[in-house]
Amino acid sequence: MKSPKLLPWYARKAGVSIERAEVLWRKAVRKATADTGWVGNAEYWGAAMDNFLALLEAENSSLCTPNLADVLRMQHRAMRLPLTLFEDLSAATAANWQRYFSCWHRAA
């Protein structure tokens, strides 16, 4: 059975590959055949399309795509780490020098 001409559009819209969409289409056709008992009438094609869209929606919700904002935030933190470490180290060094010189001036 041939797939609908809009299948690549539906696949891109749902974020799945065309091959996976074709598998889902065949599954939807089998379910429509079992549900309606007929092949080729308007009720059959409507049921096949409804099943296909439901399968695409289920497939889209099962995909685990990372959130780009989280990835960028993590990259930003990783890039700032050396600067933060240098800032903390220089603040600690300055505090130690001030403590050392204040003790040295009191002793003198």
PDB file of N, CA and C in Angstrom:
ATOM      1  N   MET A   1       0.842  -1.173   0.000  1.00  0.00           N
ATOM      2  CA  MET A   1       0.000   0.000   0.000  1.00  0.00           C
ATOM      3  C   MET A   1       0.887   1.236   0.000  1.00  0.00           C
ATOM      4  N   LYS A   2       0.532   2.178  -0.816  1.00  0.00           N
ATOM      5  CA  LYS A   2       1.307   3.413  -0.912  1.00  0.00           C
ATOM      6  C   LYS A   2       0.986   4.332   0.259  1.00  0.00           C
ATOM      7  N   SER A   3       2.005   5.061   0.653  1.00  0.00           N
ATOM      8  CA  SER A   3       1.812   6.024   1.744  1.00  0.00           C
ATOM      9  C   SER A   3       1.302   7.344   1.166  1.00  0.00           C
ATOM     10  N   PRO A   4       0.698   8.192   1.995  1.00  0.00           N
ATOM     11  CA  PRO A   4       0.199   9.474   1.490  1.00  0.00           C
ATOM     12  C   PRO A   4       1.348  10.380   1.053  1.00  0.00           C
ATOM     13  N   LYS A   5       1.058  11.258   0.107  1.00  0.00           N
ATOM     14  CA  LYS A   5       2.087  12.164  -0.405  1.00  0.00           C
ATOM     15  C   LYS A   5       2.556  13.156   0.648  1.00  0.00           C
ATOM     16  N   LEU A   6       1.699  13.453   1.617  1.00  0.00           N
ATOM     17  CA  LEU A   6       2.055  14.404   2.673  1.00  0.00           C
ATOM     18  C   LEU A   6       2.793  13.750   3.839  1.00  0.00           C
ATOM     19  N   LEU A   7       3.119  12.475   3.718  1.00  0.00           N
ATOM     20  CA  LEU A   7       3.793  11.773   4.803  1.00  0.00           C
ATOM     21  C   LEU A   7       5.106  12.437   5.210  1.00  0.00           C
ATOM     22  N   PRO A   8       5.982  12.881   4.288  1.00  0.00           N
ATOM     23  CA  PRO A   8       7.203  13.572   4.724  1.00  0.00           C
ATOM     24  C   PRO A   8       6.917  14.866   5.491  1.00  0.00           C
ATOM     25  N   TRP A   9       5.875  15.563   5.100  1.00  0.00           N
ATOM     26  CA  TRP A   9       5.513  16.794   5.810  1.00  0.00           C
ATOM     27  C   TRP A   9       5.061  16.477   7.236  1.00  0.00           C
ATOM     28  N   TYR A  10       4.194  15.462   7.374  1.00  0.00           N
ATOM     29  CA  TYR A  10       3.760  15.048   8.707  1.00  0.00           C
ATOM     30  C   TYR A  10       4.952  14.586   9.549  1.00  0.00           C
ATOM     31  N   ALA A  11       5.882  13.871   8.934  1.00  0.00           N
ATOM     32  CA  ALA A  11       7.053  13.373   9.666  1.00  0.00           C
ATOM     33  C   ALA A  11       7.909  14.528  10.169  1.00  0.00           C
ATOM     34  N   ARG A  12       8.181  15.501   9.302  1.00  0.00           N
ATOM     35  CA  ARG A  12       8.975  16.663   9.728  1.00  0.00           C
ATOM     36  C   ARG A  12       8.260  17.446  10.814  1.00  0.00           C
ATOM     37  N   LYS A  13       6.962  17.592  10.663  1.00  0.00           N
ATOM     38  CA  LYS A  13       6.178  18.338  11.638  1.00  0.00           C
ATOM     39  C   LYS A  13       6.222  17.658  13.011  1.00  0.00           C
ATOM     40  N   ALA A  14       6.208  16.336  13.025  1.00  0.00           N
ATOM     41  CA  ALA A  14       6.242  15.586  14.286  1.00  0.00           C
ATOM     42  C   ALA A  14       7.661  15.373  14.792  1.00  0.00           C
ATOM     43  N   GLY A  15       8.658  15.624  13.944  1.00  0.00           N
ATOM     44  CA  GLY A  15      10.046  15.459  14.371  1.00  0.00           C
ATOM     45  C   GLY A  15      10.540  14.025  14.317  1.00  0.00           C
ATOM     46  N   VAL A  16       9.972  13.216  13.440  1.00  0.00           N
ATOM     47  CA  VAL A  16      10.427  11.830  13.285  1.00  0.00           C
ATOM     48  C   VAL A  16      10.971  11.656  11.868  1.00  0.00           C
ATOM     49  N   SER A  17      11.721  10.584  11.674  1.00  0.00           N
ATOM     50  CA  SER A  17      12.275  10.331  10.348  1.00  0.00           C
ATOM     51  C   SER A  17      11.175   9.839   9.406  1.00  0.00           C
ATOM     52  N   ILE A  18      11.436   9.965   8.113  1.00  0.00           N
ATOM     53  CA  ILE A  18      10.449   9.532   7.116  1.00  0.00           C
ATOM     54  C   ILE A  18      10.277   8.012   7.175  1.00  0.00           C
ATOM     55  N   GLU A  19      11.382   7.297   7.404  1.00  0.00           N
ATOM     56  CA  GLU A  19      11.294   5.840   7.504  1.00  0.00           C
ATOM     57  C   GLU A  19      10.406   5.426   8.673  1.00  0.00           C
ATOM     58  N   ARG A  20      10.586   6.099   9.812  1.00  0.00           N
ATOM     59  CA  ARG A  20       9.754   5.784  10.982  1.00  0.00           C
ATOM     60  C   ARG A  20       8.294   6.153  10.718  1.00  0.00           C
ATOM     61  N   ALA A  21       8.066   7.247  10.011  1.00  0.00           N
ATOM     62  CA  ALA A  21       6.699   7.642   9.672  1.00  0.00           C
ATOM     63  C   ALA A  21       6.046   6.612   8.755  1.00  0.00           C
ATOM     64  N   GLU A  22       6.822   6.028   7.833  1.00  0.00           N
ATOM     65  CA  GLU A  22       6.276   4.993   6.958  1.00  0.00           C
ATOM     66  C   GLU A  22       5.883   3.751   7.753  1.00  0.00           C
ATOM     67  N   VAL A  23       6.704   3.406   8.752  1.00  0.00           N
ATOM     68  CA  VAL A  23       6.360   2.266   9.616  1.00  0.00           C
ATOM     69  C   VAL A  23       5.072   2.565  10.383  1.00  0.00           C
ATOM     70  N   LEU A  24       4.962   3.778  10.893  1.00  0.00           N
ATOM     71  CA  LEU A  24       3.752   4.156  11.619  1.00  0.00           C
ATOM     72  C   LEU A  24       2.533   4.174  10.699  1.00  0.00           C
ATOM     73  N   TRP A  25       2.722   4.575   9.440  1.00  0.00           N
ATOM     74  CA  TRP A  25       1.617   4.588   8.493  1.00  0.00           C
ATOM     75  C   TRP A  25       1.113   3.164   8.239  1.00  0.00           C
ATOM     76  N   ARG A  26       2.036   2.233   8.039  1.00  0.00           N
ATOM     77  CA  ARG A  26       1.632   0.842   7.818  1.00  0.00           C
ATOM     78  C   ARG A  26       0.890   0.287   9.039  1.00  0.00           C
ATOM     79  N   LYS A  27       1.347   0.656  10.226  1.00  0.00           N
ATOM     80  CA  LYS A  27       0.671   0.226  11.449  1.00  0.00           C
ATOM     81  C   LYS A  27      -0.740   0.826  11.533  1.00  0.00           C
ATOM     82  N   ALA A  28      -0.865   2.092  11.147  1.00  0.00           N
ATOM     83  CA  ALA A  28      -2.180   2.751  11.156  1.00  0.00           C
ATOM     84  C   ALA A  28      -3.122   2.113  10.148  1.00  0.00           C
ATOM     85  N   VAL A  29      -2.605   1.724   8.984  1.00  0.00           N
ATOM     86  CA  VAL A  29      -3.427   1.072   7.956  1.00  0.00           C
ATOM     87  C   VAL A  29      -3.913  -0.286   8.458  1.00  0.00           C
ATOM     88  N   ARG A  30      -3.031  -1.045   9.097  1.00  0.00           N
ATOM     89  CA  ARG A  30      -3.441  -2.346   9.641  1.00  0.00           C
ATOM     90  C   ARG A  30      -4.543  -2.182  10.686  1.00  0.00           C
ATOM     91  N   LYS A  31      -4.387  -1.179  11.549  1.00  0.00           N
ATOM     92  CA  LYS A  31      -5.401  -0.942  12.592  1.00  0.00           C
ATOM     93  C   LYS A  31      -6.714  -0.476  11.970  1.00  0.00           C
ATOM     94  N   ALA A  32      -6.647   0.367  10.950  1.00  0.00           N
ATOM     95  CA  ALA A  32      -7.874   0.823  10.275  1.00  0.00           C
ATOM     96  C   ALA A  32      -8.582  -0.335   9.590  1.00  0.00           C
ATOM     97  N   THR A  33      -7.813  -1.246   9.014  1.00  0.00           N
ATOM     98  CA  THR A  33      -8.414  -2.426   8.374  1.00  0.00           C
ATOM     99  C   THR A  33      -9.121  -3.286   9.412  1.00  0.00           C
ATOM    100  N   ALA A  34      -8.476  -3.461  10.562  1.00  0.00           N
ATOM    101  CA  ALA A  34      -9.090  -4.267  11.628  1.00  0.00           C
ATOM    102  C   ALA A  34     -10.317  -3.570  12.207  1.00  0.00           C
ATOM    103  N   ASP A  35     -10.271  -2.247  12.321  1.00  0.00           N
ATOM    104  CA  ASP A  35     -11.391  -1.506  12.924  1.00  0.00           C
ATOM    105  C   ASP A  35     -12.610  -1.439  12.004  1.00  0.00           C
ATOM    106  N   THR A  36     -12.379  -1.108  10.730  1.00  0.00           N
ATOM    107  CA  THR A  36     -13.510  -0.884   9.823  1.00  0.00           C
ATOM    108  C   THR A  36     -13.942  -2.151   9.088  1.00  0.00           C
ATOM    109  N   GLY A  37     -13.021  -3.049   8.843  1.00  0.00           N
ATOM    110  CA  GLY A  37     -13.362  -4.261   8.102  1.00  0.00           C
ATOM    111  C   GLY A  37     -13.424  -4.053   6.599  1.00  0.00           C
ATOM    112  N   TRP A  38     -13.232  -2.842   6.144  1.00  0.00           N
ATOM    113  CA  TRP A  38     -13.270  -2.523   4.724  1.00  0.00           C
ATOM    114  C   TRP A  38     -11.954  -1.888   4.328  1.00  0.00           C
ATOM    115  N   VAL A  39     -11.678  -1.949   3.047  1.00  0.00           N
ATOM    116  CA  VAL A  39     -10.465  -1.315   2.532  1.00  0.00           C
ATOM    117  C   VAL A  39     -10.860  -0.421   1.370  1.00  0.00           C
ATOM    118  N   GLY A  40     -10.459   0.843   1.439  1.00  0.00           N
ATOM    119  CA  GLY A  40     -10.638   1.730   0.307  1.00  0.00           C
ATOM    120  C   GLY A  40     -11.778   2.709   0.399  1.00  0.00           C
ATOM    121  N   ASN A  41     -12.684   2.583   1.352  1.00  0.00           N
ATOM    122  CA  ASN A  41     -13.767   3.567   1.411  1.00  0.00           C
ATOM    123  C   ASN A  41     -13.343   4.762   2.279  1.00  0.00           C
ATOM    124  N   ALA A  42     -14.197   5.757   2.346  1.00  0.00           N
ATOM    125  CA  ALA A  42     -13.862   7.003   3.050  1.00  0.00           C
ATOM    126  C   ALA A  42     -13.689   6.772   4.550  1.00  0.00           C
ATOM    127  N   GLU A  43     -14.513   5.905   5.113  1.00  0.00           N
ATOM    128  CA  GLU A  43     -14.393   5.607   6.549  1.00  0.00           C
ATOM    129  C   GLU A  43     -13.039   4.977   6.857  1.00  0.00           C
ATOM    130  N   TYR A  44     -12.602   4.078   5.980  1.00  0.00           N
ATOM    131  CA  TYR A  44     -11.307   3.408   6.142  1.00  0.00           C
ATOM    132  C   TYR A  44     -10.162   4.416   6.104  1.00  0.00           C
ATOM    133  N   TRP A  45     -10.168   5.299   5.085  1.00  0.00           N
ATOM    134  CA  TRP A  45      -9.074   6.264   4.973  1.00  0.00           C
ATOM    135  C   TRP A  45      -9.083   7.266   6.121  1.00  0.00           C
ATOM    136  N   GLY A  46     -10.278   7.657   6.563  1.00  0.00           N
ATOM    137  CA  GLY A  46     -10.368   8.551   7.714  1.00  0.00           C
ATOM    138  C   GLY A  46      -9.816   7.900   8.974  1.00  0.00           C
ATOM    139  N   ALA A  47     -10.151   6.628   9.185  1.00  0.00           N
ATOM    140  CA  ALA A  47      -9.637   5.902  10.358  1.00  0.00           C
ATOM    141  C   ALA A  47      -8.127   5.720  10.253  1.00  0.00           C
ATOM    142  N   ALA A  48      -7.630   5.435   9.047  1.00  0.00           N
ATOM    143  CA  ALA A  48      -6.186   5.267   8.864  1.00  0.00           C
ATOM    144  C   ALA A  48      -5.453   6.567   9.173  1.00  0.00           C
ATOM    145  N   MET A  49      -5.983   7.676   8.695  1.00  0.00           N
ATOM    146  CA  MET A  49      -5.330   8.964   8.944  1.00  0.00           C
ATOM    147  C   MET A  49      -5.402   9.340  10.416  1.00  0.00           C
ATOM    148  N   ASP A  50      -6.540   9.105  11.068  1.00  0.00           N
ATOM    149  CA  ASP A  50      -6.659   9.391  12.502  1.00  0.00           C
ATOM    150  C   ASP A  50      -5.680   8.550  13.312  1.00  0.00           C
ATOM    151  N   ASN A  51      -5.581   7.263  12.969  1.00  0.00           N
ATOM    152  CA  ASN A  51      -4.631   6.387  13.661  1.00  0.00           C
ATOM    153  C   ASN A  51      -3.191   6.843  13.433  1.00  0.00           C
ATOM    154  N   PHE A  52      -2.903   7.240  12.200  1.00  0.00           N
ATOM    155  CA  PHE A  52      -1.550   7.691  11.870  1.00  0.00           C
ATOM    156  C   PHE A  52      -1.181   8.944  12.658  1.00  0.00           C
ATOM    157  N   LEU A  53      -2.078   9.902  12.726  1.00  0.00           N
ATOM    158  CA  LEU A  53      -1.793  11.132  13.472  1.00  0.00           C
ATOM    159  C   LEU A  53      -1.642  10.850  14.967  1.00  0.00           C
ATOM    160  N   ALA A  54      -2.443   9.921  15.488  1.00  0.00           N
ATOM    161  CA  ALA A  54      -2.310   9.549  16.900  1.00  0.00           C
ATOM    162  C   ALA A  54      -0.972   8.864  17.158  1.00  0.00           C
ATOM    163  N   LEU A  55      -0.552   8.000  16.242  1.00  0.00           N
ATOM    164  CA  LEU A  55       0.739   7.328  16.389  1.00  0.00           C
ATOM    165  C   LEU A  55       1.896   8.329  16.292  1.00  0.00           C
ATOM    166  N   LEU A  56       1.786   9.295  15.378  1.00  0.00           N
ATOM    167  CA  LEU A  56       2.825  10.320  15.261  1.00  0.00           C
ATOM    168  C   LEU A  56       2.922  11.154  16.537  1.00  0.00           C
ATOM    169  N   GLU A  57       1.778  11.494  17.100  1.00  0.00           N
ATOM    170  CA  GLU A  57       1.782  12.284  18.332  1.00  0.00           C
ATOM    171  C   GLU A  57       2.411  11.493  19.483  1.00  0.00           C
ATOM    172  N   ALA A  58       2.090  10.205  19.560  1.00  0.00           N
ATOM    173  CA  ALA A  58       2.680   9.362  20.605  1.00  0.00           C
ATOM    174  C   ALA A  58       4.188   9.230  20.405  1.00  0.00           C
ATOM    175  N   GLU A  59       4.604   9.102  19.162  1.00  0.00           N
ATOM    176  CA  GLU A  59       6.033   8.989  18.852  1.00  0.00           C
ATOM    177  C   GLU A  59       6.763  10.281  19.199  1.00  0.00           C
ATOM    178  N   ASN A  60       6.145  11.415  18.897  1.00  0.00           N
ATOM    179  CA  ASN A  60       6.758  12.709  19.183  1.00  0.00           C
ATOM    180  C   ASN A  60       6.911  12.909  20.685  1.00  0.00           C
ATOM    181  N   SER A  61       5.913  12.504  21.459  1.00  0.00           N
ATOM    182  CA  SER A  61       5.997  12.701  22.902  1.00  0.00           C
ATOM    183  C   SER A  61       6.989  11.745  23.551  1.00  0.00           C
ATOM    184  N   SER A  62       7.330  10.648  22.877  1.00  0.00           N
ATOM    185  CA  SER A  62       8.282   9.699  23.446  1.00  0.00           C
ATOM    186  C   SER A  62       9.730  10.053  23.108  1.00  0.00           C
ATOM    187  N   LEU A  63       9.942  10.992  22.180  1.00  0.00           N
ATOM    188  CA  LEU A  63      11.304  11.362  21.814  1.00  0.00           C
ATOM    189  C   LEU A  63      11.957  12.134  22.950  1.00  0.00           C
ATOM    190  N   CYS A  64      13.209  11.843  23.182  1.00  0.00           N
ATOM    191  CA  CYS A  64      13.942  12.503  24.266  1.00  0.00           C
ATOM    192  C   CYS A  64      14.931  13.479  23.648  1.00  0.00           C
ATOM    193  N   THR A  65      14.496  14.686  23.414  1.00  0.00           N
ATOM    194  CA  THR A  65      15.377  15.700  22.858  1.00  0.00           C
ATOM    195  C   THR A  65      15.837  16.633  23.959  1.00  0.00           C
ATOM    196  N   PRO A  66      17.120  16.952  23.988  1.00  0.00           N
ATOM    197  CA  PRO A  66      17.601  17.834  25.051  1.00  0.00           C
ATOM    198  C   PRO A  66      17.126  19.261  24.846  1.00  0.00           C
ATOM    199  N   ASN A  67      16.939  19.952  25.944  1.00  0.00           N
ATOM    200  CA  ASN A  67      16.553  21.352  25.889  1.00  0.00           C
ATOM    201  C   ASN A  67      17.808  22.171  25.595  1.00  0.00           C
ATOM    202  N   LEU A  68      17.779  22.957  24.555  1.00  0.00           N
ATOM    203  CA  LEU A  68      18.951  23.700  24.123  1.00  0.00           C
ATOM    204  C   LEU A  68      19.377  24.732  25.156  1.00  0.00           C
ATOM    205  N   ALA A  69      18.444  25.312  25.866  1.00  0.00           N
ATOM    206  CA  ALA A  69      18.784  26.313  26.881  1.00  0.00           C
ATOM    207  C   ALA A  69      19.626  25.689  27.993  1.00  0.00           C
ATOM    208  N   ASP A  70      19.291  24.462  28.391  1.00  0.00           N
ATOM    209  CA  ASP A  70      20.074  23.793  29.422  1.00  0.00           C
ATOM    210  C   ASP A  70      21.486  23.503  28.956  1.00  0.00           C
ATOM    211  N   VAL A  71      21.629  23.096  27.715  1.00  0.00           N
ATOM    212  CA  VAL A  71      22.952  22.809  27.167  1.00  0.00           C
ATOM    213  C   VAL A  71      23.793  24.081  27.105  1.00  0.00           C
ATOM    214  N   LEU A  72      23.197  25.174  26.653  1.00  0.00           N
ATOM    215  CA  LEU A  72      23.930  26.434  26.575  1.00  0.00           C
ATOM    216  C   LEU A  72      24.295  26.966  27.961  1.00  0.00           C
ATOM    217  N   ARG A  73      23.402  26.799  28.924  1.00  0.00           N
ATOM    218  CA  ARG A  73      23.684  27.250  30.286  1.00  0.00           C
ATOM    219  C   ARG A  73      24.856  26.460  30.871  1.00  0.00           C
ATOM    220  N   MET A  74      24.888  25.156  30.626  1.00  0.00           N
ATOM    221  CA  MET A  74      25.977  24.324  31.119  1.00  0.00           C
ATOM    222  C   MET A  74      27.299  24.720  30.440  1.00  0.00           C
ATOM    223  N   GLN A  75      27.267  25.001  29.159  1.00  0.00           N
ATOM    224  CA  GLN A  75      28.463  25.420  28.435  1.00  0.00           C
ATOM    225  C   GLN A  75      28.963  26.755  28.966  1.00  0.00           C
ATOM    226  N   HIS A  76      28.034  27.663  29.259  1.00  0.00           N
ATOM    227  CA  HIS A  76      28.406  28.974  29.794  1.00  0.00           C
ATOM    228  C   HIS A  76      29.105  28.827  31.145  1.00  0.00           C
ATOM    229  N   ARG A  77      28.563  27.950  31.992  1.00  0.00           N
ATOM    230  CA  ARG A  77      29.189  27.726  33.294  1.00  0.00           C
ATOM    231  C   ARG A  77      30.571  27.123  33.143  1.00  0.00           C
ATOM    232  N   ALA A  78      30.713  26.191  32.224  1.00  0.00           N
ATOM    233  CA  ALA A  78      32.014  25.552  32.015  1.00  0.00           C
ATOM    234  C   ALA A  78      33.042  26.559  31.496  1.00  0.00           C
ATOM    235  N   MET A  79      32.618  27.487  30.658  1.00  0.00           N
ATOM    236  CA  MET A  79      33.546  28.484  30.137  1.00  0.00           C
ATOM    237  C   MET A  79      33.927  29.505  31.207  1.00  0.00           C
ATOM    238  N   ARG A  80      33.019  29.790  32.139  1.00  0.00           N
ATOM    239  CA  ARG A  80      33.297  30.766  33.196  1.00  0.00           C
ATOM    240  C   ARG A  80      34.090  30.186  34.356  1.00  0.00           C
ATOM    241  N   LEU A  81      34.197  28.873  34.455  1.00  0.00           N
ATOM    242  CA  LEU A  81      34.844  28.235  35.593  1.00  0.00           C
ATOM    243  C   LEU A  81      36.278  28.710  35.809  1.00  0.00           C
ATOM    244  N   PRO A  82      37.149  28.757  34.794  1.00  0.00           N
ATOM    245  CA  PRO A  82      38.507  29.244  35.049  1.00  0.00           C
ATOM    246  C   PRO A  82      38.531  30.690  35.561  1.00  0.00           C
ATOM    247  N   LEU A  83      37.653  31.527  35.040  1.00  0.00           N
ATOM    248  CA  LEU A  83      37.613  32.915  35.501  1.00  0.00           C
ATOM    249  C   LEU A  83      37.145  33.004  36.952  1.00  0.00           C
ATOM    250  N   THR A  84      36.168  32.218  37.305  1.00  0.00           N
ATOM    251  CA  THR A  84      35.672  32.208  38.677  1.00  0.00           C
ATOM    252  C   THR A  84      36.743  31.693  39.631  1.00  0.00           C
ATOM    253  N   LEU A  85      37.432  30.643  39.223  1.00  0.00           N
ATOM    254  CA  LEU A  85      38.510  30.115  40.060  1.00  0.00           C
ATOM    255  C   LEU A  85      39.626  31.140  40.238  1.00  0.00           C
ATOM    256  N   PHE A  86      40.014  31.838  39.175  1.00  0.00           N
ATOM    257  CA  PHE A  86      41.053  32.845  39.269  1.00  0.00           C
ATOM    258  C   PHE A  86      40.618  33.994  40.178  1.00  0.00           C
ATOM    259  N   GLU A  87      39.362  34.404  40.073  1.00  0.00           N
ATOM    260  CA  GLU A  87      38.846  35.474  40.918  1.00  0.00           C
ATOM    261  C   GLU A  87      38.871  35.067  42.395  1.00  0.00           C
ATOM    262  N   ASP A  88      38.453  33.858  42.709  1.00  0.00           N
ATOM    263  CA  ASP A  88      38.475  33.381  44.089  1.00  0.00           C
ATOM    264  C   ASP A  88      39.904  33.246  44.615  1.00  0.00           C
ATOM    265  N   LEU A  89      40.787  32.752  43.778  1.00  0.00           N
ATOM    266  CA  LEU A  89      42.190  32.591  44.187  1.00  0.00           C
ATOM    267  C   LEU A  89      42.846  33.944  44.438  1.00  0.00           C
ATOM    268  N   SER A  90      42.597  34.908  43.577  1.00  0.00           N
ATOM    269  CA  SER A  90      43.207  36.229  43.780  1.00  0.00           C
ATOM    270  C   SER A  90      42.600  36.935  44.999  1.00  0.00           C
ATOM    271  N   ALA A  91      41.316  36.731  45.283  1.00  0.00           N
ATOM    272  CA  ALA A  91      40.717  37.319  46.479  1.00  0.00           C
ATOM    273  C   ALA A  91      41.314  36.693  47.734  1.00  0.00           C
ATOM    274  N   ALA A  92      41.524  35.384  47.738  1.00  0.00           N
ATOM    275  CA  ALA A  92      42.135  34.716  48.890  1.00  0.00           C
ATOM    276  C   ALA A  92      43.582  35.159  49.071  1.00  0.00           C
ATOM    277  N   THR A  93      44.309  35.322  47.973  1.00  0.00           N
ATOM    278  CA  THR A  93      45.702  35.772  48.052  1.00  0.00           C
ATOM    279  C   THR A  93      45.772  37.191  48.598  1.00  0.00           C
ATOM    280  N   ALA A  94      44.895  38.062  48.133  1.00  0.00           N
ATOM    281  CA  ALA A  94      44.886  39.439  48.629  1.00  0.00           C
ATOM    282  C   ALA A  94      44.540  39.483  50.115  1.00  0.00           C
ATOM    283  N   ALA A  95      43.607  38.662  50.551  1.00  0.00           N
ATOM    284  CA  ALA A  95      43.254  38.624  51.970  1.00  0.00           C
ATOM    285  C   ALA A  95      44.423  38.124  52.809  1.00  0.00           C
ATOM    286  N   ASN A  96      45.130  37.124  52.321  1.00  0.00           N
ATOM    287  CA  ASN A  96      46.299  36.618  53.058  1.00  0.00           C
ATOM    288  C   ASN A  96      47.406  37.662  53.131  1.00  0.00           C
ATOM    289  N   TRP A  97      47.663  38.376  52.040  1.00  0.00           N
ATOM    290  CA  TRP A  97      48.688  39.417  52.049  1.00  0.00           C
ATOM    291  C   TRP A  97      48.317  40.530  53.033  1.00  0.00           C
ATOM    292  N   GLN A  98      47.048  40.919  53.033  1.00  0.00           N
ATOM    293  CA  GLN A  98      46.622  41.965  53.974  1.00  0.00           C
ATOM    294  C   GLN A  98      46.784  41.490  55.411  1.00  0.00           C
ATOM    295  N   ARG A  99      46.446  40.259  55.699  1.00  0.00           N
ATOM    296  CA  ARG A  99      46.597  39.702  57.036  1.00  0.00           C
ATOM    297  C   ARG A  99      48.083  39.651  57.424  1.00  0.00           C
ATOM    298  N   TYR A 100      48.921  39.251  56.496  1.00  0.00           N
ATOM    299  CA  TYR A 100      50.361  39.159  56.762  1.00  0.00           C
ATOM    300  C   TYR A 100      50.947  40.537  57.043  1.00  0.00           C
ATOM    301  N   PHE A 101      50.614  41.534  56.196  1.00  0.00           N
ATOM    302  CA  PHE A 101      51.180  42.869  56.387  1.00  0.00           C
ATOM    303  C   PHE A 101      50.620  43.553  57.627  1.00  0.00           C
ATOM    304  N   SER A 102      49.370  43.275  57.989  1.00  0.00           N
ATOM    305  CA  SER A 102      48.831  43.893  59.196  1.00  0.00           C
ATOM    306  C   SER A 102      49.508  43.305  60.432  1.00  0.00           C
ATOM    307  N   CYS A 103      49.807  41.995  60.395  1.00  0.00           N
ATOM    308  CA  CYS A 103      50.546  41.389  61.521  1.00  0.00           C
ATOM    309  C   CYS A 103      51.985  41.912  61.575  1.00  0.00           C
ATOM    310  N   TRP A 104      52.615  42.140  60.443  1.00  0.00           N
ATOM    311  CA  TRP A 104      53.992  42.598  60.372  1.00  0.00           C
ATOM    312  C   TRP A 104      54.082  44.054  60.874  1.00  0.00           C
ATOM    313  N   HIS A 105      53.070  44.894  60.543  1.00  0.00           N
ATOM    314  CA  HIS A 105      53.097  46.274  61.006  1.00  0.00           C
ATOM    315  C   HIS A 105      52.817  46.380  62.504  1.00  0.00           C
ATOM    316  N   ARG A 106      52.010  45.516  63.067  1.00  0.00           N
ATOM    317  CA  ARG A 106      51.758  45.528  64.508  1.00  0.00           C
ATOM    318  C   ARG A 106      52.987  45.116  65.287  1.00  0.00           C
ATOM    319  N   ALA A 107      53.741  44.161  64.718  1.00  0.00           N
ATOM    320  CA  ALA A 107      54.933  43.696  65.424  1.00  0.00           C
ATOM    321  C   ALA A 107      56.025  44.750  65.419  1.00  0.00           C
ATOM    322  N   ALA A 108      56.058  45.592  64.439  1.00  0.00           N
ATOM    323  CA  ALA A 108      57.130  46.562  64.325  1.00  0.00           C
ATOM    324  C   ALA A 108      56.897  47.791  65.116  1.00  0.00           C
TER     325      ALA A 108
END
